[in-house]
Amino acid sequence: MPIALEFDYHKPRDLKDALRLLSSYKGRARVLAGGTDLVLWLKEGIVSPEAVIDLKGVAELSKLEFKDGVLAVGALVTFTELIESQTVRSTFPLLWESAKTVASPGIRNRATLMGNIVSAVPSLDGGPPLLLHEARVVVHGPGGRRTVPMRGWFAGPKKCSLLEDEVATELLVPLPEKKHAGCYVKLGRYAGEDLAQVGVGVMALESRQYRVAFCAVGPVPTRAESIEALLKGKELSDRLIAKAKALIPDEISPITDIRASKEYRSRMAGVMLDRALKTAVSRLEGKGPAYGTSQV
């Protein structure tokens, strides 16, 4: 399907010029990074901007760097680059594992992690690992630079805290100080480009602390605070997991759509939480399946 829409096209060379252009269109421009969402929306007439500002000429947004315990992921870094990074694979294996579940190789070659969270679809695979790592989003605009915690980033389906005259420039993903391991479990209808029916992420830390996050079962990806509180300080057991699963209805609000019914999503969220918890703990103990091994 061709794009049957006229708009101005700009490819700035630096962030300052990109922000100037964005401001000049007063909310009537869209920013392009990977374009896997935006191009589709343009073709389908979901958005009709006066201008598209292509960021691919802004070299500083391609940064992928681990320094002082923090992984900096520029806005132009693709899922393929994350997967191919030995630093990400060895030091942030939870993020690496979730990246491998995104769509297909062709999409991962173009789609960016930043675009994933800016598009803010409820099923985004980048949400759970970033929430579990307590990442922050760096944003630049006319007012300067600001940083937004992931817990405050998502505002609703396809809505985030980014303002019309701002550019999200990088993600800062801290490495937990404690020994930890994780697991991301994604349920889809088939292998390929299907969005998640349910996504569950777990991070297990030493001293029996746990972080849990869901996607595709509510308006936004979210941390499951009541489940985390229940699990804190306790040794994992089938009985404890059963109690955690009983709290899931308080943490999620799934809908019925073309991919799954809300009843199916609720049921599978429990099954996947069980598997993700057990896998994360076994990996923490130096056992368990290798990262990237499907748990569904």
C-alpha atoms as a PDB file:
ATOM      1  CA  MET A   1       0.000   0.000   0.000  1.00  0.00           C
ATOM      2  CA  PRO A   2       1.520   3.365  -1.014  1.00  0.00           C
ATOM      3  CA  ILE A   3       1.499   6.483   1.151  1.00  0.00           C
ATOM      4  CA  ALA A   4      -1.239   8.655  -0.361  1.00  0.00           C
ATOM      5  CA  LEU A   5      -0.342  11.743   1.628  1.00  0.00           C
ATOM      6  CA  GLU A   6       1.782  14.810   0.984  1.00  0.00           C
ATOM      7  CA  PHE A   7       4.115  16.106   3.681  1.00  0.00           C
ATOM      8  CA  ASP A   8       7.428  17.910   4.056  1.00  0.00           C
ATOM      9  CA  TYR A   9      10.447  15.680   4.647  1.00  0.00           C
ATOM     10  CA  HIS A  10      13.470  16.778   6.646  1.00  0.00           C
ATOM     11  CA  LYS A  11      16.643  14.930   7.653  1.00  0.00           C
ATOM     12  CA  PRO A  12      18.513  17.096  10.157  1.00  0.00           C
ATOM     13  CA  ARG A  13      22.188  16.527  10.898  1.00  0.00           C
ATOM     14  CA  ASP A  14      22.079  17.258  14.625  1.00  0.00           C
ATOM     15  CA  LEU A  15      19.657  17.282  17.535  1.00  0.00           C
ATOM     16  CA  LYS A  16      19.536  21.081  17.730  1.00  0.00           C
ATOM     17  CA  ASP A  17      18.296  21.309  14.144  1.00  0.00           C
ATOM     18  CA  ALA A  18      15.802  18.479  14.730  1.00  0.00           C
ATOM     19  CA  LEU A  19      14.322  20.300  17.713  1.00  0.00           C
ATOM     20  CA  ARG A  20      14.151  23.554  15.756  1.00  0.00           C
ATOM     21  CA  LEU A  21      12.255  21.872  12.933  1.00  0.00           C
ATOM     22  CA  LEU A  22       9.920  20.097  15.320  1.00  0.00           C
ATOM     23  CA  SER A  23       9.094  23.347  17.093  1.00  0.00           C
ATOM     24  CA  SER A  24       8.474  25.191  13.826  1.00  0.00           C
ATOM     25  CA  TYR A  25       5.611  22.842  12.895  1.00  0.00           C
ATOM     26  CA  LYS A  26       3.860  23.448  16.242  1.00  0.00           C
ATOM     27  CA  GLY A  27       2.726  19.890  16.869  1.00  0.00           C
ATOM     28  CA  ARG A  28       1.988  19.061  13.227  1.00  0.00           C
ATOM     29  CA  ALA A  29       5.165  17.043  12.554  1.00  0.00           C
ATOM     30  CA  ARG A  30       6.082  13.430  13.331  1.00  0.00           C
ATOM     31  CA  VAL A  31       9.518  12.105  14.147  1.00  0.00           C
ATOM     32  CA  LEU A  32      10.888   9.111  12.209  1.00  0.00           C
ATOM     33  CA  ALA A  33      13.455   6.680  13.643  1.00  0.00           C
ATOM     34  CA  GLY A  34      12.964   3.083  12.475  1.00  0.00           C
ATOM     35  CA  GLY A  35       9.574   3.876  10.971  1.00  0.00           C
ATOM     36  CA  THR A  36       8.011   0.433  11.425  1.00  0.00           C
ATOM     37  CA  ASP A  37       4.996   1.980  13.158  1.00  0.00           C
ATOM     38  CA  LEU A  38       4.951   5.452  11.614  1.00  0.00           C
ATOM     39  CA  VAL A  39       5.131   4.311   7.976  1.00  0.00           C
ATOM     40  CA  LEU A  40       2.229   1.921   8.537  1.00  0.00           C
ATOM     41  CA  TRP A  41       0.194   4.690  10.185  1.00  0.00           C
ATOM     42  CA  LEU A  42       0.941   6.989   7.239  1.00  0.00           C
ATOM     43  CA  LYS A  43      -0.174   4.344   4.737  1.00  0.00           C
ATOM     44  CA  GLU A  44      -3.398   3.676   6.634  1.00  0.00           C
ATOM     45  CA  GLY A  45      -4.163   7.357   7.195  1.00  0.00           C
ATOM     46  CA  ILE A  46      -4.033   7.008  10.983  1.00  0.00           C
ATOM     47  CA  VAL A  47      -1.763  10.057  11.145  1.00  0.00           C
ATOM     48  CA  SER A  48      -1.489  12.914   8.647  1.00  0.00           C
ATOM     49  CA  PRO A  49       1.379  15.207   9.645  1.00  0.00           C
ATOM     50  CA  GLU A  50       2.510  18.277   7.771  1.00  0.00           C
ATOM     51  CA  ALA A  51       6.101  17.078   8.060  1.00  0.00           C
ATOM     52  CA  VAL A  52       8.176  14.001   8.841  1.00  0.00           C
ATOM     53  CA  ILE A  53      11.493  14.661  10.563  1.00  0.00           C
ATOM     54  CA  ASP A  54      13.905  11.790   9.935  1.00  0.00           C
ATOM     55  CA  LEU A  55      16.390  11.391  12.801  1.00  0.00           C
ATOM     56  CA  LYS A  56      18.676   8.899  11.063  1.00  0.00           C
ATOM     57  CA  GLY A  57      21.164  11.668  10.227  1.00  0.00           C
ATOM     58  CA  VAL A  58      21.688  12.535  13.913  1.00  0.00           C
ATOM     59  CA  ALA A  59      24.763  10.434  14.684  1.00  0.00           C
ATOM     60  CA  GLU A  60      24.662  10.911  18.463  1.00  0.00           C
ATOM     61  CA  LEU A  61      21.359   9.003  18.622  1.00  0.00           C
ATOM     62  CA  SER A  62      23.080   5.784  17.484  1.00  0.00           C
ATOM     63  CA  LYS A  63      25.000   5.365  20.747  1.00  0.00           C
ATOM     64  CA  LEU A  64      24.998   1.976  22.466  1.00  0.00           C
ATOM     65  CA  GLU A  65      27.370   2.179  25.418  1.00  0.00           C
ATOM     66  CA  PHE A  66      27.800   0.558  28.825  1.00  0.00           C
ATOM     67  CA  LYS A  67      29.567   2.836  31.304  1.00  0.00           C
ATOM     68  CA  ASP A  68      29.546   3.192  35.084  1.00  0.00           C
ATOM     69  CA  GLY A  69      26.893   0.521  35.520  1.00  0.00           C
ATOM     70  CA  VAL A  70      24.424   2.056  33.043  1.00  0.00           C
ATOM     71  CA  LEU A  71      23.585   0.980  29.499  1.00  0.00           C
ATOM     72  CA  ALA A  72      22.848   3.987  27.267  1.00  0.00           C
ATOM     73  CA  VAL A  73      20.666   3.076  24.293  1.00  0.00           C
ATOM     74  CA  GLY A  74      20.280   5.817  21.696  1.00  0.00           C
ATOM     75  CA  ALA A  75      16.985   6.469  19.959  1.00  0.00           C
ATOM     76  CA  LEU A  76      18.258   4.968  16.684  1.00  0.00           C
ATOM     77  CA  VAL A  77      19.502   1.665  18.134  1.00  0.00           C
ATOM     78  CA  THR A  78      17.579  -1.203  16.561  1.00  0.00           C
ATOM     79  CA  PHE A  79      16.507  -4.478  18.121  1.00  0.00           C
ATOM     80  CA  THR A  80      18.984  -6.269  15.860  1.00  0.00           C
ATOM     81  CA  GLU A  81      21.811  -4.136  17.238  1.00  0.00           C
ATOM     82  CA  LEU A  82      20.737  -5.049  20.778  1.00  0.00           C
ATOM     83  CA  ILE A  83      20.650  -8.736  19.884  1.00  0.00           C
ATOM     84  CA  GLU A  84      24.078  -8.608  18.214  1.00  0.00           C
ATOM     85  CA  SER A  85      25.689  -6.694  21.091  1.00  0.00           C
ATOM     86  CA  GLN A  86      27.829  -8.972  23.263  1.00  0.00           C
ATOM     87  CA  THR A  87      27.540  -6.438  26.084  1.00  0.00           C
ATOM     88  CA  VAL A  88      23.763  -6.578  26.020  1.00  0.00           C
ATOM     89  CA  ARG A  89      23.719 -10.354  25.738  1.00  0.00           C
ATOM     90  CA  SER A  90      26.132 -10.947  28.633  1.00  0.00           C
ATOM     91  CA  THR A  91      25.257  -8.070  30.968  1.00  0.00           C
ATOM     92  CA  PHE A  92      21.593  -7.382  30.197  1.00  0.00           C
ATOM     93  CA  PRO A  93      20.339 -10.837  29.127  1.00  0.00           C
ATOM     94  CA  LEU A  94      16.729 -10.053  30.088  1.00  0.00           C
ATOM     95  CA  LEU A  95      16.662  -7.151  27.619  1.00  0.00           C
ATOM     96  CA  TRP A  96      18.419  -9.359  25.048  1.00  0.00           C
ATOM     97  CA  GLU A  97      15.853 -12.147  25.553  1.00  0.00           C
ATOM     98  CA  SER A  98      12.893  -9.806  25.059  1.00  0.00           C
ATOM     99  CA  ALA A  99      14.480  -8.228  21.974  1.00  0.00           C
ATOM    100  CA  LYS A 100      14.644 -11.639  20.293  1.00  0.00           C
ATOM    101  CA  THR A 101      10.857 -12.008  20.615  1.00  0.00           C
ATOM    102  CA  VAL A 102      10.076  -8.827  18.662  1.00  0.00           C
ATOM    103  CA  ALA A 103       8.365  -9.475  15.326  1.00  0.00           C
ATOM    104  CA  SER A 104      10.644 -10.857  12.591  1.00  0.00           C
ATOM    105  CA  PRO A 105      14.291 -10.289  11.566  1.00  0.00           C
ATOM    106  CA  GLY A 106      13.193  -7.811   8.917  1.00  0.00           C
ATOM    107  CA  ILE A 107      11.289  -5.708  11.441  1.00  0.00           C
ATOM    108  CA  ARG A 108      14.045  -5.973  14.064  1.00  0.00           C
ATOM    109  CA  ASN A 109      16.531  -4.640  11.507  1.00  0.00           C
ATOM    110  CA  ARG A 110      14.551  -1.379  11.386  1.00  0.00           C
ATOM    111  CA  ALA A 111      12.549  -1.092  14.596  1.00  0.00           C
ATOM    112  CA  THR A 112      14.154   0.710  17.540  1.00  0.00           C
ATOM    113  CA  LEU A 113      13.740   0.130  21.254  1.00  0.00           C
ATOM    114  CA  MET A 114      12.947   3.822  21.692  1.00  0.00           C
ATOM    115  CA  GLY A 115      10.309   3.701  18.972  1.00  0.00           C
ATOM    116  CA  ASN A 116       8.796   0.718  20.769  1.00  0.00           C
ATOM    117  CA  ILE A 117       8.189   2.683  23.952  1.00  0.00           C
ATOM    118  CA  VAL A 118       7.211   5.932  22.209  1.00  0.00           C
ATOM    119  CA  SER A 119       4.551   4.103  20.176  1.00  0.00           C
ATOM    120  CA  ALA A 120       3.387   2.760  23.565  1.00  0.00           C
ATOM    121  CA  VAL A 121       1.168  -0.036  22.296  1.00  0.00           C
ATOM    122  CA  PRO A 122       0.038  -2.118  25.302  1.00  0.00           C
ATOM    123  CA  SER A 123       1.756  -5.261  23.981  1.00  0.00           C
ATOM    124  CA  LEU A 124       5.217  -3.766  23.484  1.00  0.00           C
ATOM    125  CA  ASP A 125       7.951  -6.284  24.316  1.00  0.00           C
ATOM    126  CA  GLY A 126      10.397  -3.595  25.402  1.00  0.00           C
ATOM    127  CA  GLY A 127       8.174  -2.520  28.288  1.00  0.00           C
ATOM    128  CA  PRO A 128       8.656  -5.314  30.859  1.00  0.00           C
ATOM    129  CA  PRO A 129      12.493  -5.500  30.796  1.00  0.00           C
ATOM    130  CA  LEU A 130      12.835  -1.716  30.952  1.00  0.00           C
ATOM    131  CA  LEU A 131      10.396  -1.559  33.866  1.00  0.00           C
ATOM    132  CA  LEU A 132      12.253  -4.364  35.647  1.00  0.00           C
ATOM    133  CA  HIS A 133      15.601  -2.623  35.155  1.00  0.00           C
ATOM    134  CA  GLU A 134      14.009   0.646  36.321  1.00  0.00           C
ATOM    135  CA  ALA A 135      15.213   2.424  33.210  1.00  0.00           C
ATOM    136  CA  ARG A 136      14.892   6.137  32.517  1.00  0.00           C
ATOM    137  CA  VAL A 137      14.052   7.970  29.284  1.00  0.00           C
ATOM    138  CA  VAL A 138      16.081  11.048  28.350  1.00  0.00           C
ATOM    139  CA  VAL A 139      14.013  13.680  26.556  1.00  0.00           C
ATOM    140  CA  HIS A 140      15.092  16.932  24.899  1.00  0.00           C
ATOM    141  CA  GLY A 141      12.838  19.860  24.055  1.00  0.00           C
ATOM    142  CA  PRO A 142      12.651  23.676  24.072  1.00  0.00           C
ATOM    143  CA  GLY A 143      12.906  23.599  27.856  1.00  0.00           C
ATOM    144  CA  GLY A 144      16.118  21.605  27.775  1.00  0.00           C
ATOM    145  CA  ARG A 145      16.801  18.077  28.966  1.00  0.00           C
ATOM    146  CA  ARG A 146      14.607  16.051  31.300  1.00  0.00           C
ATOM    147  CA  THR A 147      14.580  12.444  32.463  1.00  0.00           C
ATOM    148  CA  VAL A 148      11.434  10.351  32.877  1.00  0.00           C
ATOM    149  CA  PRO A 149      11.360   7.099  34.907  1.00  0.00           C
ATOM    150  CA  MET A 150       9.810   4.194  33.002  1.00  0.00           C
ATOM    151  CA  ARG A 151       7.110   3.878  35.666  1.00  0.00           C
ATOM    152  CA  GLY A 152       5.897   7.361  34.713  1.00  0.00           C
ATOM    153  CA  TRP A 153       6.402   7.042  30.960  1.00  0.00           C
ATOM    154  CA  PHE A 154       3.259   5.252  29.772  1.00  0.00           C
ATOM    155  CA  ALA A 155       0.071   7.330  29.895  1.00  0.00           C
ATOM    156  CA  GLY A 156      -2.381   5.008  28.115  1.00  0.00           C
ATOM    157  CA  PRO A 157      -2.735   2.918  24.952  1.00  0.00           C
ATOM    158  CA  LYS A 158      -0.424   4.507  22.354  1.00  0.00           C
ATOM    159  CA  LYS A 159       0.202   7.441  24.730  1.00  0.00           C
ATOM    160  CA  CYS A 160       3.353   8.398  26.607  1.00  0.00           C
ATOM    161  CA  SER A 161       4.659  11.421  28.478  1.00  0.00           C
ATOM    162  CA  LEU A 162       6.590  12.767  25.466  1.00  0.00           C
ATOM    163  CA  LEU A 163       5.362  16.233  24.453  1.00  0.00           C
ATOM    164  CA  GLU A 164       4.751  17.289  20.851  1.00  0.00           C
ATOM    165  CA  ASP A 165       7.860  19.482  20.707  1.00  0.00           C
ATOM    166  CA  GLU A 166      10.197  16.975  22.340  1.00  0.00           C
ATOM    167  CA  VAL A 167      12.478  14.187  21.122  1.00  0.00           C
ATOM    168  CA  ALA A 168      13.202  11.088  23.206  1.00  0.00           C
ATOM    169  CA  THR A 169      16.944  10.746  22.690  1.00  0.00           C
ATOM    170  CA  GLU A 170      18.180   7.800  24.792  1.00  0.00           C
ATOM    171  CA  LEU A 171      17.317   5.174  27.343  1.00  0.00           C
ATOM    172  CA  LEU A 172      19.410   4.759  30.475  1.00  0.00           C
ATOM    173  CA  VAL A 173      19.222   1.176  31.727  1.00  0.00           C
ATOM    174  CA  PRO A 174      20.951   0.626  35.092  1.00  0.00           C
ATOM    175  CA  LEU A 175      22.473  -2.688  36.052  1.00  0.00           C
ATOM    176  CA  PRO A 176      21.166  -3.787  39.476  1.00  0.00           C
ATOM    177  CA  GLU A 177      23.857  -3.769  42.143  1.00  0.00           C
ATOM    178  CA  LYS A 178      22.727  -7.147  43.471  1.00  0.00           C
ATOM    179  CA  LYS A 179      23.273 -10.433  41.706  1.00  0.00           C
ATOM    180  CA  HIS A 180      20.215 -11.072  39.553  1.00  0.00           C
ATOM    181  CA  ALA A 181      18.709 -13.084  36.724  1.00  0.00           C
ATOM    182  CA  GLY A 182      15.537 -12.734  34.711  1.00  0.00           C
ATOM    183  CA  CYS A 183      13.076 -14.228  32.286  1.00  0.00           C
ATOM    184  CA  TYR A 184      10.756 -12.751  29.662  1.00  0.00           C
ATOM    185  CA  VAL A 185       7.928 -14.973  28.462  1.00  0.00           C
ATOM    186  CA  LYS A 186       5.855 -13.964  25.443  1.00  0.00           C
ATOM    187  CA  LEU A 187       2.736 -15.721  24.217  1.00  0.00           C
ATOM    188  CA  GLY A 188       1.775 -15.229  20.581  1.00  0.00           C
ATOM    189  CA  ARG A 189      -0.450 -17.029  18.140  1.00  0.00           C
ATOM    190  CA  TYR A 190       2.406 -17.994  15.832  1.00  0.00           C
ATOM    191  CA  ALA A 191       6.115 -17.433  15.272  1.00  0.00           C
ATOM    192  CA  GLY A 192       6.774 -14.263  13.316  1.00  0.00           C
ATOM    193  CA  GLU A 193       5.379 -10.773  13.492  1.00  0.00           C
ATOM    194  CA  ASP A 194       2.462 -11.368  15.868  1.00  0.00           C
ATOM    195  CA  LEU A 195       2.036  -9.052  18.831  1.00  0.00           C
ATOM    196  CA  ALA A 196       1.955 -10.521  22.311  1.00  0.00           C
ATOM    197  CA  GLN A 197      -1.264 -11.984  23.652  1.00  0.00           C
ATOM    198  CA  VAL A 198       0.420 -11.873  27.058  1.00  0.00           C
ATOM    199  CA  GLY A 199       3.912 -10.822  28.101  1.00  0.00           C
ATOM    200  CA  VAL A 200       5.426 -11.516  31.526  1.00  0.00           C
ATOM    201  CA  GLY A 201       8.827 -10.398  32.772  1.00  0.00           C
ATOM    202  CA  VAL A 202      10.479 -11.430  36.039  1.00  0.00           C
ATOM    203  CA  MET A 203      13.733 -10.359  37.647  1.00  0.00           C
ATOM    204  CA  ALA A 204      14.952 -12.392  40.610  1.00  0.00           C
ATOM    205  CA  LEU A 205      17.585 -10.762  42.818  1.00  0.00           C
ATOM    206  CA  GLU A 206      19.654 -12.214  45.631  1.00  0.00           C
ATOM    207  CA  SER A 207      18.151 -11.929  49.137  1.00  0.00           C
ATOM    208  CA  ARG A 208      14.912 -13.273  47.669  1.00  0.00           C
ATOM    209  CA  GLN A 209      13.676 -10.082  46.047  1.00  0.00           C
ATOM    210  CA  TYR A 210      11.574 -10.140  42.914  1.00  0.00           C
ATOM    211  CA  ARG A 211      10.406  -7.709  40.257  1.00  0.00           C
ATOM    212  CA  VAL A 212       7.420  -8.622  38.070  1.00  0.00           C
ATOM    213  CA  ALA A 213       5.996  -6.813  35.024  1.00  0.00           C
ATOM    214  CA  PHE A 214       3.205  -7.522  32.546  1.00  0.00           C
ATOM    215  CA  CYS A 215       2.354  -6.290  29.057  1.00  0.00           C
ATOM    216  CA  ALA A 216      -0.574  -6.905  26.657  1.00  0.00           C
ATOM    217  CA  VAL A 217      -2.965  -7.432  29.575  1.00  0.00           C
ATOM    218  CA  GLY A 218      -3.808  -3.823  30.382  1.00  0.00           C
ATOM    219  CA  PRO A 219      -3.760  -0.341  28.876  1.00  0.00           C
ATOM    220  CA  VAL A 220      -0.038   0.032  29.636  1.00  0.00           C
ATOM    221  CA  PRO A 221       2.870  -2.256  30.602  1.00  0.00           C
ATOM    222  CA  THR A 222       3.130  -2.215  34.381  1.00  0.00           C
ATOM    223  CA  ARG A 223       4.955  -3.523  37.425  1.00  0.00           C
ATOM    224  CA  ALA A 224       2.924  -5.883  39.613  1.00  0.00           C
ATOM    225  CA  GLU A 225       3.592  -4.311  42.998  1.00  0.00           C
ATOM    226  CA  SER A 226       1.262  -6.491  45.078  1.00  0.00           C
ATOM    227  CA  ILE A 227       2.868  -9.659  43.695  1.00  0.00           C
ATOM    228  CA  GLU A 228       6.341  -8.270  44.348  1.00  0.00           C
ATOM    229  CA  ALA A 229       5.389  -7.445  47.947  1.00  0.00           C
ATOM    230  CA  LEU A 230       3.981 -10.939  48.494  1.00  0.00           C
ATOM    231  CA  LEU A 231       7.135 -12.630  47.172  1.00  0.00           C
ATOM    232  CA  LYS A 232       9.664 -10.380  48.929  1.00  0.00           C
ATOM    233  CA  GLY A 233      11.986 -12.251  51.239  1.00  0.00           C
ATOM    234  CA  LYS A 234      10.346 -15.620  50.666  1.00  0.00           C
ATOM    235  CA  GLU A 235      11.706 -18.805  49.155  1.00  0.00           C
ATOM    236  CA  LEU A 236       9.912 -19.656  45.948  1.00  0.00           C
ATOM    237  CA  SER A 237       7.527 -22.621  46.203  1.00  0.00           C
ATOM    238  CA  ASP A 238       4.457 -23.878  44.380  1.00  0.00           C
ATOM    239  CA  ARG A 239       2.301 -22.714  47.279  1.00  0.00           C
ATOM    240  CA  LEU A 240       3.778 -19.208  47.186  1.00  0.00           C
ATOM    241  CA  ILE A 241       3.393 -19.034  43.393  1.00  0.00           C
ATOM    242  CA  ALA A 242      -0.262 -20.059  43.753  1.00  0.00           C
ATOM    243  CA  LYS A 243      -0.776 -17.109  46.119  1.00  0.00           C
ATOM    244  CA  ALA A 244       0.972 -14.813  43.638  1.00  0.00           C
ATOM    245  CA  LYS A 245      -1.233 -16.043  40.799  1.00  0.00           C
ATOM    246  CA  ALA A 246      -4.315 -15.269  42.924  1.00  0.00           C
ATOM    247  CA  LEU A 247      -3.243 -11.605  42.921  1.00  0.00           C
ATOM    248  CA  ILE A 248      -3.043 -11.338  39.138  1.00  0.00           C
ATOM    249  CA  PRO A 249      -6.663 -10.114  38.687  1.00  0.00           C
ATOM    250  CA  ASP A 250      -5.747  -7.091  40.839  1.00  0.00           C
ATOM    251  CA  GLU A 251      -2.782  -6.266  38.608  1.00  0.00           C
ATOM    252  CA  ILE A 252      -4.100  -6.714  35.065  1.00  0.00           C
ATOM    253  CA  SER A 253      -7.169  -5.697  33.065  1.00  0.00           C
ATOM    254  CA  PRO A 254      -7.091  -7.695  29.832  1.00  0.00           C
ATOM    255  CA  ILE A 255      -9.490  -7.141  26.949  1.00  0.00           C
ATOM    256  CA  THR A 256     -10.898  -9.407  24.275  1.00  0.00           C
ATOM    257  CA  ASP A 257      -9.612  -8.640  20.788  1.00  0.00           C
ATOM    258  CA  ILE A 258      -8.629 -10.402  17.577  1.00  0.00           C
ATOM    259  CA  ARG A 259      -5.638 -12.051  19.250  1.00  0.00           C
ATOM    260  CA  ALA A 260      -7.234 -13.510  22.396  1.00  0.00           C
ATOM    261  CA  SER A 261     -10.139 -13.347  24.819  1.00  0.00           C
ATOM    262  CA  LYS A 262      -9.721 -11.657  28.185  1.00  0.00           C
ATOM    263  CA  GLU A 263     -10.403 -14.986  29.903  1.00  0.00           C
ATOM    264  CA  TYR A 264      -7.618 -16.703  27.971  1.00  0.00           C
ATOM    265  CA  ARG A 265      -5.216 -13.868  28.695  1.00  0.00           C
ATOM    266  CA  SER A 266      -5.991 -14.012  32.418  1.00  0.00           C
ATOM    267  CA  ARG A 267      -5.499 -17.766  32.543  1.00  0.00           C
ATOM    268  CA  MET A 268      -2.246 -17.694  30.605  1.00  0.00           C
ATOM    269  CA  ALA A 269      -0.863 -14.792  32.662  1.00  0.00           C
ATOM    270  CA  GLY A 270      -0.879 -17.149  35.641  1.00  0.00           C
ATOM    271  CA  VAL A 271       0.746 -20.001  33.759  1.00  0.00           C
ATOM    272  CA  MET A 272       3.427 -17.690  32.391  1.00  0.00           C
ATOM    273  CA  LEU A 273       4.116 -16.052  35.754  1.00  0.00           C
ATOM    274  CA  ASP A 274       4.720 -19.511  37.224  1.00  0.00           C
ATOM    275  CA  ARG A 275       7.204 -20.394  34.466  1.00  0.00           C
ATOM    276  CA  ALA A 276       8.932 -17.017  34.477  1.00  0.00           C
ATOM    277  CA  LEU A 277       9.464 -17.056  38.251  1.00  0.00           C
ATOM    278  CA  LYS A 278      10.868 -20.577  38.258  1.00  0.00           C
ATOM    279  CA  THR A 279      13.102 -19.885  35.263  1.00  0.00           C
ATOM    280  CA  ALA A 280      14.454 -16.611  36.707  1.00  0.00           C
ATOM    281  CA  VAL A 281      15.270 -18.241  40.055  1.00  0.00           C
ATOM    282  CA  SER A 282      16.923 -21.251  38.408  1.00  0.00           C
ATOM    283  CA  ARG A 283      19.050 -18.923  36.278  1.00  0.00           C
ATOM    284  CA  LEU A 284      20.012 -16.966  39.410  1.00  0.00           C
ATOM    285  CA  GLU A 285      21.244 -20.250  40.869  1.00  0.00           C
ATOM    286  CA  GLY A 286      23.330 -20.912  37.773  1.00  0.00           C
ATOM    287  CA  LYS A 287      20.953 -23.490  36.377  1.00  0.00           C
ATOM    288  CA  GLY A 288      17.896 -23.357  34.174  1.00  0.00           C
ATOM    289  CA  PRO A 289      17.495 -22.906  30.413  1.00  0.00           C
ATOM    290  CA  ALA A 290      19.683 -20.588  28.401  1.00  0.00           C
ATOM    291  CA  TYR A 291      18.389 -17.100  27.731  1.00  0.00           C
ATOM    292  CA  GLY A 292      16.383 -17.009  24.527  1.00  0.00           C
ATOM    293  CA  THR A 293      14.850 -20.428  25.171  1.00  0.00           C
ATOM    294  CA  SER A 294      11.063 -20.180  24.833  1.00  0.00           C
ATOM    295  CA  GLN A 295       9.051 -20.961  27.954  1.00  0.00           C
ATOM    296  CA  VAL A 296       5.734 -21.391  26.119  1.00  0.00           C
END
